[in-house]
PDB file of N, CA and C in Angstrom:
ATOM      1  N   UNK A   1     -17.449 -27.543 -20.497  1.00  0.00           N
ATOM      2  CA  UNK A   1     -16.197 -26.878 -20.166  1.00  0.00           C
ATOM      3  C   UNK A   1     -15.665 -27.468 -18.865  1.00  0.00           C
ATOM      4  N   UNK A   2     -14.404 -27.863 -18.848  1.00  0.00           N
ATOM      5  CA  UNK A   2     -13.790 -28.453 -17.666  1.00  0.00           C
ATOM      6  C   UNK A   2     -13.409 -27.393 -16.648  1.00  0.00           C
ATOM      7  N   UNK A   3     -13.036 -27.861 -15.496  1.00  0.00           N
ATOM      8  CA  UNK A   3     -12.604 -26.955 -14.438  1.00  0.00           C
ATOM      9  C   UNK A   3     -11.235 -26.389 -14.806  1.00  0.00           C
ATOM     10  N   UNK A   4     -11.116 -25.088 -14.732  1.00  0.00           N
ATOM     11  CA  UNK A   4      -9.848 -24.436 -15.056  1.00  0.00           C
ATOM     12  C   UNK A   4      -9.006 -24.285 -13.796  1.00  0.00           C
ATOM     13  N   UNK A   5      -7.716 -24.289 -14.007  1.00  0.00           N
ATOM     14  CA  UNK A   5      -6.830 -24.042 -12.873  1.00  0.00           C
ATOM     15  C   UNK A   5      -6.896 -22.563 -12.523  1.00  0.00           C
ATOM     16  N   UNK A   6      -6.433 -22.237 -11.340  1.00  0.00           N
ATOM     17  CA  UNK A   6      -6.418 -20.844 -10.897  1.00  0.00           C
ATOM     18  C   UNK A   6      -5.611 -19.979 -11.856  1.00  0.00           C
ATOM     19  N   UNK A   7      -4.478 -20.491 -12.311  1.00  0.00           N
ATOM     20  CA  UNK A   7      -3.631 -19.734 -13.239  1.00  0.00           C
ATOM     21  C   UNK A   7      -4.356 -19.485 -14.557  1.00  0.00           C
ATOM     22  N   UNK A   8      -5.138 -20.487 -15.018  1.00  0.00           N
ATOM     23  CA  UNK A   8      -5.889 -20.318 -16.265  1.00  0.00           C
ATOM     24  C   UNK A   8      -6.990 -19.269 -16.105  1.00  0.00           C
ATOM     25  N   UNK A   9      -7.673 -19.291 -14.956  1.00  0.00           N
ATOM     26  CA  UNK A   9      -8.716 -18.295 -14.694  1.00  0.00           C
ATOM     27  C   UNK A   9      -8.115 -16.890 -14.652  1.00  0.00           C
ATOM     28  N   UNK A  10      -6.992 -16.758 -13.962  1.00  0.00           N
ATOM     29  CA  UNK A  10      -6.336 -15.450 -13.866  1.00  0.00           C
ATOM     30  C   UNK A  10      -5.944 -14.959 -15.254  1.00  0.00           C
ATOM     31  N   UNK A  11      -5.364 -15.852 -16.071  1.00  0.00           N
ATOM     32  CA  UNK A  11      -4.952 -15.474 -17.423  1.00  0.00           C
ATOM     33  C   UNK A  11      -6.154 -15.064 -18.264  1.00  0.00           C
ATOM     34  N   UNK A  12      -7.249 -15.830 -18.149  1.00  0.00           N
ATOM     35  CA  UNK A  12      -8.465 -15.520 -18.915  1.00  0.00           C
ATOM     36  C   UNK A  12      -8.985 -14.137 -18.541  1.00  0.00           C
ATOM     37  N   UNK A  13      -9.099 -13.873 -17.244  1.00  0.00           N
ATOM     38  CA  UNK A  13      -9.657 -12.603 -16.811  1.00  0.00           C
ATOM     39  C   UNK A  13      -8.701 -11.437 -17.070  1.00  0.00           C
ATOM     40  N   UNK A  14      -7.418 -11.658 -17.005  1.00  0.00           N
ATOM     41  CA  UNK A  14      -6.460 -10.599 -17.395  1.00  0.00           C
ATOM     42  C   UNK A  14      -6.684 -10.212 -18.854  1.00  0.00           C
ATOM     43  N   UNK A  15      -6.836 -11.228 -19.695  1.00  0.00           N
ATOM     44  CA  UNK A  15      -7.061 -10.988 -21.120  1.00  0.00           C
ATOM     45  C   UNK A  15      -8.383 -10.247 -21.345  1.00  0.00           C
ATOM     46  N   UNK A  16      -9.448 -10.692 -20.682  1.00  0.00           N
ATOM     47  CA  UNK A  16     -10.764 -10.069 -20.854  1.00  0.00           C
ATOM     48  C   UNK A  16     -10.759  -8.620 -20.359  1.00  0.00           C
ATOM     49  N   UNK A  17     -10.174  -8.392 -19.205  1.00  0.00           N
ATOM     50  CA  UNK A  17     -10.158  -7.041 -18.636  1.00  0.00           C
ATOM     51  C   UNK A  17      -9.271  -6.131 -19.478  1.00  0.00           C
ATOM     52  N   UNK A  18      -8.166  -6.665 -19.993  1.00  0.00           N
ATOM     53  CA  UNK A  18      -7.323  -5.879 -20.896  1.00  0.00           C
ATOM     54  C   UNK A  18      -8.070  -5.503 -22.164  1.00  0.00           C
ATOM     55  N   UNK A  19      -8.811  -6.461 -22.730  1.00  0.00           N
ATOM     56  CA  UNK A  19      -9.581  -6.183 -23.948  1.00  0.00           C
ATOM     57  C   UNK A  19     -10.672  -5.159 -23.670  1.00  0.00           C
ATOM     58  N   UNK A  20     -11.335  -5.289 -22.529  1.00  0.00           N
ATOM     59  CA  UNK A  20     -12.375  -4.320 -22.173  1.00  0.00           C
ATOM     60  C   UNK A  20     -11.791  -2.918 -21.998  1.00  0.00           C
ATOM     61  N   UNK A  21     -10.658  -2.824 -21.306  1.00  0.00           N
ATOM     62  CA  UNK A  21     -10.097  -1.499 -21.010  1.00  0.00           C
ATOM     63  C   UNK A  21      -9.665  -0.756 -22.268  1.00  0.00           C
ATOM     64  N   UNK A  22      -9.354  -1.481 -23.320  1.00  0.00           N
ATOM     65  CA  UNK A  22      -8.964  -0.820 -24.578  1.00  0.00           C
ATOM     66  C   UNK A  22     -10.127  -0.713 -25.560  1.00  0.00           C
ATOM     67  N   UNK A  23     -11.288  -1.281 -25.208  1.00  0.00           N
ATOM     68  CA  UNK A  23     -12.430  -1.297 -26.129  1.00  0.00           C
ATOM     69  C   UNK A  23     -13.168   0.026 -26.210  1.00  0.00           C
ATOM     70  N   UNK A  24     -13.077   0.825 -25.167  1.00  0.00           N
ATOM     71  CA  UNK A  24     -13.822   2.084 -25.145  1.00  0.00           C
ATOM     72  C   UNK A  24     -15.280   1.889 -24.760  1.00  0.00           C
ATOM     73  N   UNK A  25     -15.672   0.670 -24.434  1.00  0.00           N
ATOM     74  CA  UNK A  25     -17.054   0.377 -24.067  1.00  0.00           C
ATOM     75  C   UNK A  25     -17.197   0.360 -22.553  1.00  0.00           C
ATOM     76  N   UNK A  26     -18.449   0.489 -22.105  1.00  0.00           N
ATOM     77  CA  UNK A  26     -18.694   0.337 -20.675  1.00  0.00           C
ATOM     78  C   UNK A  26     -18.492  -1.124 -20.318  1.00  0.00           C
ATOM     79  N   UNK A  27     -18.279  -1.373 -19.043  1.00  0.00           N
ATOM     80  CA  UNK A  27     -18.074  -2.746 -18.596  1.00  0.00           C
ATOM     81  C   UNK A  27     -19.301  -3.598 -18.917  1.00  0.00           C
ATOM     82  N   UNK A  28     -20.494  -3.058 -18.687  1.00  0.00           N
ATOM     83  CA  UNK A  28     -21.729  -3.808 -18.937  1.00  0.00           C
ATOM     84  C   UNK A  28     -21.872  -4.122 -20.421  1.00  0.00           C
ATOM     85  N   UNK A  29     -21.640  -3.117 -21.295  1.00  0.00           N
ATOM     86  CA  UNK A  29     -21.769  -3.342 -22.741  1.00  0.00           C
ATOM     87  C   UNK A  29     -20.763  -4.380 -23.224  1.00  0.00           C
ATOM     88  N   UNK A  30     -19.529  -4.293 -22.736  1.00  0.00           N
ATOM     89  CA  UNK A  30     -18.502  -5.262 -23.141  1.00  0.00           C
ATOM     90  C   UNK A  30     -18.897  -6.671 -22.697  1.00  0.00           C
ATOM     91  N   UNK A  31     -19.378  -6.795 -21.463  1.00  0.00           N
ATOM     92  CA  UNK A  31     -19.754  -8.116 -20.944  1.00  0.00           C
ATOM     93  C   UNK A  31     -20.927  -8.696 -21.731  1.00  0.00           C
ATOM     94  N   UNK A  32     -21.925  -7.871 -22.048  1.00  0.00           N
ATOM     95  CA  UNK A  32     -23.060  -8.358 -22.836  1.00  0.00           C
ATOM     96  C   UNK A  32     -22.593  -8.848 -24.203  1.00  0.00           C
ATOM     97  N   UNK A  33     -21.693  -8.083 -24.814  1.00  0.00           N
ATOM     98  CA  UNK A  33     -21.194  -8.443 -26.142  1.00  0.00           C
ATOM     99  C   UNK A  33     -20.407  -9.753 -26.133  1.00  0.00           C
ATOM    100  N   UNK A  34     -19.716 -10.037 -25.024  1.00  0.00           N
ATOM    101  CA  UNK A  34     -18.862 -11.218 -24.949  1.00  0.00           C
ATOM    102  C   UNK A  34     -19.455 -12.347 -24.101  1.00  0.00           C
ATOM    103  N   UNK A  35     -20.706 -12.190 -23.690  1.00  0.00           N
ATOM    104  CA  UNK A  35     -21.357 -13.237 -22.904  1.00  0.00           C
ATOM    105  C   UNK A  35     -20.762 -13.432 -21.527  1.00  0.00           C
ATOM    106  N   UNK A  36     -20.320 -12.345 -20.914  1.00  0.00           N
ATOM    107  CA  UNK A  36     -19.713 -12.411 -19.576  1.00  0.00           C
ATOM    108  C   UNK A  36     -20.649 -11.820 -18.541  1.00  0.00           C
ATOM    109  N   UNK A  37     -20.504 -12.242 -17.319  1.00  0.00           N
ATOM    110  CA  UNK A  37     -21.257 -11.687 -16.201  1.00  0.00           C
ATOM    111  C   UNK A  37     -20.519 -10.434 -15.714  1.00  0.00           C
ATOM    112  N   UNK A  38     -21.186  -9.281 -15.752  1.00  0.00           N
ATOM    113  CA  UNK A  38     -20.550  -8.014 -15.373  1.00  0.00           C
ATOM    114  C   UNK A  38     -20.107  -8.022 -13.911  1.00  0.00           C
ATOM    115  N   UNK A  39     -20.889  -8.645 -13.040  1.00  0.00           N
ATOM    116  CA  UNK A  39     -20.511  -8.703 -11.622  1.00  0.00           C
ATOM    117  C   UNK A  39     -19.254  -9.550 -11.441  1.00  0.00           C
ATOM    118  N   UNK A  40     -19.169 -10.650 -12.177  1.00  0.00           N
ATOM    119  CA  UNK A  40     -17.989 -11.498 -12.090  1.00  0.00           C
ATOM    120  C   UNK A  40     -16.762 -10.760 -12.624  1.00  0.00           C
ATOM    121  N   UNK A  41     -16.956  -9.986 -13.680  1.00  0.00           N
ATOM    122  CA  UNK A  41     -15.840  -9.209 -14.215  1.00  0.00           C
ATOM    123  C   UNK A  41     -15.387  -8.171 -13.182  1.00  0.00           C
ATOM    124  N   UNK A  42     -16.344  -7.547 -12.500  1.00  0.00           N
ATOM    125  CA  UNK A  42     -16.005  -6.590 -11.446  1.00  0.00           C
ATOM    126  C   UNK A  42     -15.201  -7.241 -10.334  1.00  0.00           C
ATOM    127  N   UNK A  43     -15.612  -8.468  -9.974  1.00  0.00           N
ATOM    128  CA  UNK A  43     -14.877  -9.219  -8.955  1.00  0.00           C
ATOM    129  C   UNK A  43     -13.445  -9.455  -9.407  1.00  0.00           C
ATOM    130  N   UNK A  44     -13.266  -9.918 -10.642  1.00  0.00           N
ATOM    131  CA  UNK A  44     -11.924 -10.226 -11.136  1.00  0.00           C
ATOM    132  C   UNK A  44     -11.083  -8.964 -11.327  1.00  0.00           C
ATOM    133  N   UNK A  45     -11.715  -7.888 -11.703  1.00  0.00           N
ATOM    134  CA  UNK A  45     -10.978  -6.620 -11.843  1.00  0.00           C
ATOM    135  C   UNK A  45     -10.390  -6.229 -10.492  1.00  0.00           C
ATOM    136  N   UNK A  46     -11.193  -6.359  -9.436  1.00  0.00           N
ATOM    137  CA  UNK A  46     -10.713  -6.034  -8.086  1.00  0.00           C
ATOM    138  C   UNK A  46      -9.656  -7.039  -7.628  1.00  0.00           C
ATOM    139  N   UNK A  47      -9.901  -8.314  -7.868  1.00  0.00           N
ATOM    140  CA  UNK A  47      -8.953  -9.353  -7.433  1.00  0.00           C
ATOM    141  C   UNK A  47      -7.600  -9.185  -8.119  1.00  0.00           C
ATOM    142  N   UNK A  48      -7.617  -8.902  -9.414  1.00  0.00           N
ATOM    143  CA  UNK A  48      -6.351  -8.726 -10.138  1.00  0.00           C
ATOM    144  C   UNK A  48      -5.620  -7.469  -9.677  1.00  0.00           C
ATOM    145  N   UNK A  49      -6.374  -6.437  -9.333  1.00  0.00           N
ATOM    146  CA  UNK A  49      -5.729  -5.219  -8.817  1.00  0.00           C
ATOM    147  C   UNK A  49      -4.991  -5.534  -7.523  1.00  0.00           C
ATOM    148  N   UNK A  50      -5.583  -6.384  -6.687  1.00  0.00           N
ATOM    149  CA  UNK A  50      -4.933  -6.784  -5.434  1.00  0.00           C
ATOM    150  C   UNK A  50      -3.709  -7.644  -5.722  1.00  0.00           C
ATOM    151  N   UNK A  51      -3.856  -8.597  -6.656  1.00  0.00           N
ATOM    152  CA  UNK A  51      -2.722  -9.464  -6.997  1.00  0.00           C
ATOM    153  C   UNK A  51      -1.570  -8.678  -7.616  1.00  0.00           C
ATOM    154  N   UNK A  52      -1.899  -7.626  -8.365  1.00  0.00           N
ATOM    155  CA  UNK A  52      -0.868  -6.847  -9.053  1.00  0.00           C
ATOM    156  C   UNK A  52      -0.237  -5.777  -8.171  1.00  0.00           C
ATOM    157  N   UNK A  53      -0.832  -5.543  -7.012  1.00  0.00           N
ATOM    158  CA  UNK A  53      -0.295  -4.529  -6.098  1.00  0.00           C
ATOM    159  C   UNK A  53       1.060  -4.986  -5.601  1.00  0.00           C
ATOM    160  N   UNK A  54       2.057  -4.092  -5.603  1.00  0.00           N
ATOM    161  CA  UNK A  54       3.380  -4.486  -5.099  1.00  0.00           C
ATOM    162  C   UNK A  54       3.272  -4.923  -3.638  1.00  0.00           C
ATOM    163  N   UNK A  55       3.920  -6.015  -3.335  1.00  0.00           N
ATOM    164  CA  UNK A  55       3.916  -6.527  -1.974  1.00  0.00           C
ATOM    165  C   UNK A  55       4.911  -5.740  -1.138  1.00  0.00           C
ATOM    166  N   UNK A  56       4.456  -5.241  -0.001  1.00  0.00           N
ATOM    167  CA  UNK A  56       5.368  -4.517   0.882  1.00  0.00           C
ATOM    168  C   UNK A  56       5.836  -5.466   1.971  1.00  0.00           C
ATOM    169  N   UNK A  57       7.036  -5.229   2.414  1.00  0.00           N
ATOM    170  CA  UNK A  57       7.557  -6.042   3.511  1.00  0.00           C
ATOM    171  C   UNK A  57       6.906  -5.568   4.804  1.00  0.00           C
ATOM    172  N   UNK A  58       6.903  -6.383   5.850  1.00  0.00           N
ATOM    173  CA  UNK A  58       6.304  -5.959   7.119  1.00  0.00           C
ATOM    174  C   UNK A  58       6.890  -4.650   7.630  1.00  0.00           C
ATOM    175  N   UNK A  59       8.158  -4.392   7.345  1.00  0.00           N
ATOM    176  CA  UNK A  59       8.779  -3.149   7.818  1.00  0.00           C
ATOM    177  C   UNK A  59       8.198  -1.946   7.099  1.00  0.00           C
ATOM    178  N   UNK A  60       7.645  -2.140   5.886  1.00  0.00           N
ATOM    179  CA  UNK A  60       7.086  -1.027   5.129  1.00  0.00           C
ATOM    180  C   UNK A  60       5.594  -0.867   5.356  1.00  0.00           C
ATOM    181  N   UNK A  61       4.948  -1.843   5.934  1.00  0.00           N
ATOM    182  CA  UNK A  61       3.508  -1.816   6.125  1.00  0.00           C
ATOM    183  C   UNK A  61       3.136  -0.807   7.200  1.00  0.00           C
ATOM    184  N   UNK A  62       2.045  -0.057   6.954  1.00  0.00           N
ATOM    185  CA  UNK A  62       1.605   0.950   7.914  1.00  0.00           C
ATOM    186  C   UNK A  62       1.123   0.307   9.206  1.00  0.00           C
ATOM    187  N   UNK A  63       0.682  -0.947   9.133  1.00  0.00           N
ATOM    188  CA  UNK A  63       0.154  -1.592  10.323  1.00  0.00           C
ATOM    189  C   UNK A  63       1.162  -2.526  10.992  1.00  0.00           C
ATOM    190  N   UNK A  64       2.388  -2.503  10.543  1.00  0.00           N
ATOM    191  CA  UNK A  64       3.402  -3.402  11.091  1.00  0.00           C
ATOM    192  C   UNK A  64       3.847  -2.938  12.472  1.00  0.00           C
ATOM    193  N   UNK A  65       4.220  -3.909  13.282  1.00  0.00           N
ATOM    194  CA  UNK A  65       4.797  -3.584  14.574  1.00  0.00           C
ATOM    195  C   UNK A  65       6.232  -3.114  14.362  1.00  0.00           C
ATOM    196  N   UNK A  66       6.668  -2.242  15.209  1.00  0.00           N
ATOM    197  CA  UNK A  66       8.018  -1.710  15.127  1.00  0.00           C
ATOM    198  C   UNK A  66       8.743  -2.070  16.416  1.00  0.00           C
ATOM    199  N   UNK A  67       9.968  -2.572  16.278  1.00  0.00           N
ATOM    200  CA  UNK A  67      10.748  -2.937  17.458  1.00  0.00           C
ATOM    201  C   UNK A  67      11.164  -1.667  18.197  1.00  0.00           C
ATOM    202  N   UNK A  68      10.944  -1.652  19.486  1.00  0.00           N
ATOM    203  CA  UNK A  68      11.335  -0.533  20.343  1.00  0.00           C
ATOM    204  C   UNK A  68      12.514  -0.992  21.171  1.00  0.00           C
ATOM    205  N   UNK A  69      13.594  -0.233  21.108  1.00  0.00           N
ATOM    206  CA  UNK A  69      14.807  -0.573  21.846  1.00  0.00           C
ATOM    207  C   UNK A  69      14.996   0.474  22.957  1.00  0.00           C
ATOM    208  N   UNK A  70      14.660   0.112  24.185  1.00  0.00           N
ATOM    209  CA  UNK A  70      14.832   1.074  25.278  1.00  0.00           C
ATOM    210  C   UNK A  70      16.317   1.362  25.516  1.00  0.00           C
ATOM    211  N   UNK A  71      16.578   2.585  25.921  1.00  0.00           N
ATOM    212  CA  UNK A  71      17.950   2.970  26.229  1.00  0.00           C
ATOM    213  C   UNK A  71      18.043   3.287  27.716  1.00  0.00           C
ATOM    214  N   UNK A  72      19.252   3.234  28.218  1.00  0.00           N
ATOM    215  CA  UNK A  72      19.466   3.601  29.617  1.00  0.00           C
ATOM    216  C   UNK A  72      19.157   5.076  29.803  1.00  0.00           C
ATOM    217  N   UNK A  73      18.754   5.447  30.999  1.00  0.00           N
ATOM    218  CA  UNK A  73      18.363   6.826  31.285  1.00  0.00           C
ATOM    219  C   UNK A  73      19.469   7.809  30.922  1.00  0.00           C
ATOM    220  N   UNK A  74      20.724   7.448  31.156  1.00  0.00           N
ATOM    221  CA  UNK A  74      21.827   8.366  30.856  1.00  0.00           C
ATOM    222  C   UNK A  74      21.957   8.616  29.344  1.00  0.00           C
ATOM    223  N   UNK A  75      21.549   7.626  28.532  1.00  0.00           N
ATOM    224  CA  UNK A  75      21.641   7.787  27.082  1.00  0.00           C
ATOM    225  C   UNK A  75      20.458   8.569  26.525  1.00  0.00           C
ATOM    226  N   UNK A  76      19.318   8.533  27.205  1.00  0.00           N
ATOM    227  CA  UNK A  76      18.132   9.168  26.661  1.00  0.00           C
ATOM    228  C   UNK A  76      17.844  10.527  27.299  1.00  0.00           C
ATOM    229  N   UNK A  77      18.798  11.100  27.991  1.00  0.00           N
ATOM    230  CA  UNK A  77      18.569  12.370  28.665  1.00  0.00           C
ATOM    231  C   UNK A  77      18.298  13.497  27.673  1.00  0.00           C
ATOM    232  N   UNK A  78      18.649  13.308  26.422  1.00  0.00           N
ATOM    233  CA  UNK A  78      18.373  14.338  25.418  1.00  0.00           C
ATOM    234  C   UNK A  78      17.003  14.153  24.782  1.00  0.00           C
ATOM    235  N   UNK A  79      16.254  13.120  25.169  1.00  0.00           N
ATOM    236  CA  UNK A  79      14.926  12.869  24.628  1.00  0.00           C
ATOM    237  C   UNK A  79      14.846  11.487  24.017  1.00  0.00           C
ATOM    238  N   UNK A  80      13.866  11.307  23.159  1.00  0.00           N
ATOM    239  CA  UNK A  80      13.709  10.025  22.487  1.00  0.00           C
ATOM    240  C   UNK A  80      13.659  10.242  20.979  1.00  0.00           C
ATOM    241  N   UNK A  81      13.968   9.178  20.257  1.00  0.00           N
ATOM    242  CA  UNK A  81      13.893   9.212  18.807  1.00  0.00           C
ATOM    243  C   UNK A  81      13.059   8.018  18.364  1.00  0.00           C
ATOM    244  N   UNK A  82      12.087   8.261  17.486  1.00  0.00           N
ATOM    245  CA  UNK A  82      11.252   7.200  16.925  1.00  0.00           C
ATOM    246  C   UNK A  82      11.567   7.133  15.439  1.00  0.00           C
ATOM    247  N   UNK A  83      12.040   5.968  15.003  1.00  0.00           N
ATOM    248  CA  UNK A  83      12.351   5.774  13.583  1.00  0.00           C
ATOM    249  C   UNK A  83      11.180   5.059  12.925  1.00  0.00           C
ATOM    250  N   UNK A  84      10.591   5.688  11.916  1.00  0.00           N
ATOM    251  CA  UNK A  84       9.446   5.135  11.214  1.00  0.00           C
ATOM    252  C   UNK A  84       9.919   4.319  10.015  1.00  0.00           C
ATOM    253  N   UNK A  85       9.094   3.379   9.532  1.00  0.00           N
ATOM    254  CA  UNK A  85       9.503   2.507   8.430  1.00  0.00           C
ATOM    255  C   UNK A  85       9.842   3.246   7.138  1.00  0.00           C
ATOM    256  N   UNK A  86       9.323   4.449   6.943  1.00  0.00           N
ATOM    257  CA  UNK A  86       9.576   5.182   5.704  1.00  0.00           C
ATOM    258  C   UNK A  86      10.810   6.080   5.781  1.00  0.00           C
ATOM    259  N   UNK A  87      11.744   5.730   6.645  1.00  0.00           N
ATOM    260  CA  UNK A  87      13.014   6.435   6.816  1.00  0.00           C
ATOM    261  C   UNK A  87      12.862   7.813   7.477  1.00  0.00           C
ATOM    262  N   UNK A  88      11.726   8.074   8.102  1.00  0.00           N
ATOM    263  CA  UNK A  88      11.519   9.325   8.824  1.00  0.00           C
ATOM    264  C   UNK A  88      11.842   9.070  10.286  1.00  0.00           C
ATOM    265  N   UNK A  89      12.597   9.985  10.880  1.00  0.00           N
ATOM    266  CA  UNK A  89      12.937   9.875  12.297  1.00  0.00           C
ATOM    267  C   UNK A  89      12.269  11.036  13.037  1.00  0.00           C
ATOM    268  N   UNK A  90      11.601  10.715  14.117  1.00  0.00           N
ATOM    269  CA  UNK A  90      10.929  11.712  14.935  1.00  0.00           C
ATOM    270  C   UNK A  90      11.719  11.843  16.236  1.00  0.00           C
ATOM    271  N   UNK A  91      12.232  13.029  16.482  1.00  0.00           N
ATOM    272  CA  UNK A  91      13.010  13.272  17.697  1.00  0.00           C
ATOM    273  C   UNK A  91      12.202  14.145  18.644  1.00  0.00           C
ATOM    274  N   UNK A  92      12.020  13.646  19.857  1.00  0.00           N
ATOM    275  CA  UNK A  92      11.254  14.377  20.864  1.00  0.00           C
ATOM    276  C   UNK A  92      12.213  14.729  21.996  1.00  0.00           C
ATOM    277  N   UNK A  93      12.441  16.011  22.199  1.00  0.00           N
ATOM    278  CA  UNK A  93      13.389  16.413  23.241  1.00  0.00           C
ATOM    279  C   UNK A  93      12.832  16.117  24.630  1.00  0.00           C
ATOM    280  N   UNK A  94      13.742  15.872  25.576  1.00  0.00           N
ATOM    281  CA  UNK A  94      13.291  15.663  26.949  1.00  0.00           C
ATOM    282  C   UNK A  94      12.616  16.951  27.410  1.00  0.00           C
ATOM    283  N   UNK A  95      11.591  16.796  28.183  1.00  0.00           N
ATOM    284  CA  UNK A  95      10.860  17.958  28.671  1.00  0.00           C
ATOM    285  C   UNK A  95       9.772  18.430  27.722  1.00  0.00           C
ATOM    286  N   UNK A  96       9.566  17.741  26.606  1.00  0.00           N
ATOM    287  CA  UNK A  96       8.504  18.134  25.678  1.00  0.00           C
ATOM    288  C   UNK A  96       7.156  17.981  26.363  1.00  0.00           C
ATOM    289  N   UNK A  97       6.247  18.889  26.053  1.00  0.00           N
ATOM    290  CA  UNK A  97       4.921  18.851  26.671  1.00  0.00           C
ATOM    291  C   UNK A  97       4.146  17.625  26.188  1.00  0.00           C
ATOM    292  N   UNK A  98       3.482  16.978  27.121  1.00  0.00           N
ATOM    293  CA  UNK A  98       2.713  15.771  26.790  1.00  0.00           C
ATOM    294  C   UNK A  98       1.680  16.061  25.706  1.00  0.00           C
ATOM    295  N   UNK A  99       1.031  17.206  25.780  1.00  0.00           N
ATOM    296  CA  UNK A  99       0.006  17.555  24.790  1.00  0.00           C
ATOM    297  C   UNK A  99       0.614  17.688  23.392  1.00  0.00           C
ATOM    298  N   UNK A 100       1.818  18.228  23.304  1.00  0.00           N
ATOM    299  CA  UNK A 100       2.485  18.357  22.003  1.00  0.00           C
ATOM    300  C   UNK A 100       2.796  16.973  21.418  1.00  0.00           C
ATOM    301  N   UNK A 101       3.248  16.057  22.268  1.00  0.00           N
ATOM    302  CA  UNK A 101       3.558  14.698  21.811  1.00  0.00           C
ATOM    303  C   UNK A 101       2.281  14.013  21.331  1.00  0.00           C
ATOM    304  N   UNK A 102       1.191  14.151  22.084  1.00  0.00           N
ATOM    305  CA  UNK A 102      -0.081  13.554  21.688  1.00  0.00           C
ATOM    306  C   UNK A 102      -0.580  14.124  20.359  1.00  0.00           C
ATOM    307  N   UNK A 103      -0.400  15.403  20.141  1.00  0.00           N
ATOM    308  CA  UNK A 103      -0.809  16.037  18.889  1.00  0.00           C
ATOM    309  C   UNK A 103      -0.044  15.447  17.713  1.00  0.00           C
ATOM    310  N   UNK A 104       1.261  15.269  17.887  1.00  0.00           N
ATOM    311  CA  UNK A 104       2.094  14.679  16.825  1.00  0.00           C
ATOM    312  C   UNK A 104       1.664  13.240  16.566  1.00  0.00           C
ATOM    313  N   UNK A 105       1.428  12.459  17.605  1.00  0.00           N
ATOM    314  CA  UNK A 105       1.015  11.064  17.444  1.00  0.00           C
ATOM    315  C   UNK A 105      -0.331  10.953  16.728  1.00  0.00           C
ATOM    316  N   UNK A 106      -1.268  11.838  17.074  1.00  0.00           N
ATOM    317  CA  UNK A 106      -2.574  11.832  16.388  1.00  0.00           C
ATOM    318  C   UNK A 106      -2.403  12.165  14.908  1.00  0.00           C
ATOM    319  N   UNK A 107      -1.534  13.113  14.609  1.00  0.00           N
ATOM    320  CA  UNK A 107      -1.298  13.480  13.213  1.00  0.00           C
ATOM    321  C   UNK A 107      -0.679  12.302  12.446  1.00  0.00           C
ATOM    322  N   UNK A 108       0.256  11.601  13.066  1.00  0.00           N
ATOM    323  CA  UNK A 108       0.866  10.439  12.424  1.00  0.00           C
ATOM    324  C   UNK A 108      -0.158   9.333  12.203  1.00  0.00           C
ATOM    325  N   UNK A 109      -1.025   9.116  13.166  1.00  0.00           N
ATOM    326  CA  UNK A 109      -2.059   8.086  13.036  1.00  0.00           C
ATOM    327  C   UNK A 109      -3.003   8.433  11.883  1.00  0.00           C
ATOM    328  N   UNK A 110      -3.344   9.704  11.752  1.00  0.00           N
ATOM    329  CA  UNK A 110      -4.239  10.138  10.682  1.00  0.00           C
ATOM    330  C   UNK A 110      -3.601  10.034   9.304  1.00  0.00           C
ATOM    331  N   UNK A 111      -2.284  10.122   9.239  1.00  0.00           N
ATOM    332  CA  UNK A 111      -1.573  10.044   7.955  1.00  0.00           C
ATOM    333  C   UNK A 111      -1.352   8.616   7.517  1.00  0.00           C
ATOM    334  N   UNK A 112      -1.520   7.656   8.401  1.00  0.00           N
ATOM    335  CA  UNK A 112      -1.235   6.244   8.074  1.00  0.00           C
ATOM    336  C   UNK A 112      -2.285   5.634   7.189  1.00  0.00           C
TER     337      UNK A 112
END
């Protein structure tokens, strides 16, 4: 058997994983029946799941940096506003307690 291109390998494993998923058999039983390595099939199942995952833009990524635009003191006297990538805006009024702001930030970090 010659060396397959990456596209050929992906197509082969898509076909095999599709056949397995509709077979009603366990992954191990299907692999034994078709002469496949179950660990290799597990690898390809995970790899294809990653390849098939919708690509998010950096602005949508939870770990993306966000541009911060400082405003003049006269403009920010009503507080600050943080716009998140998912179209959520967080408005913090001037004079807000530091502990309250930290609590909100911890909650946002935990939700990411």
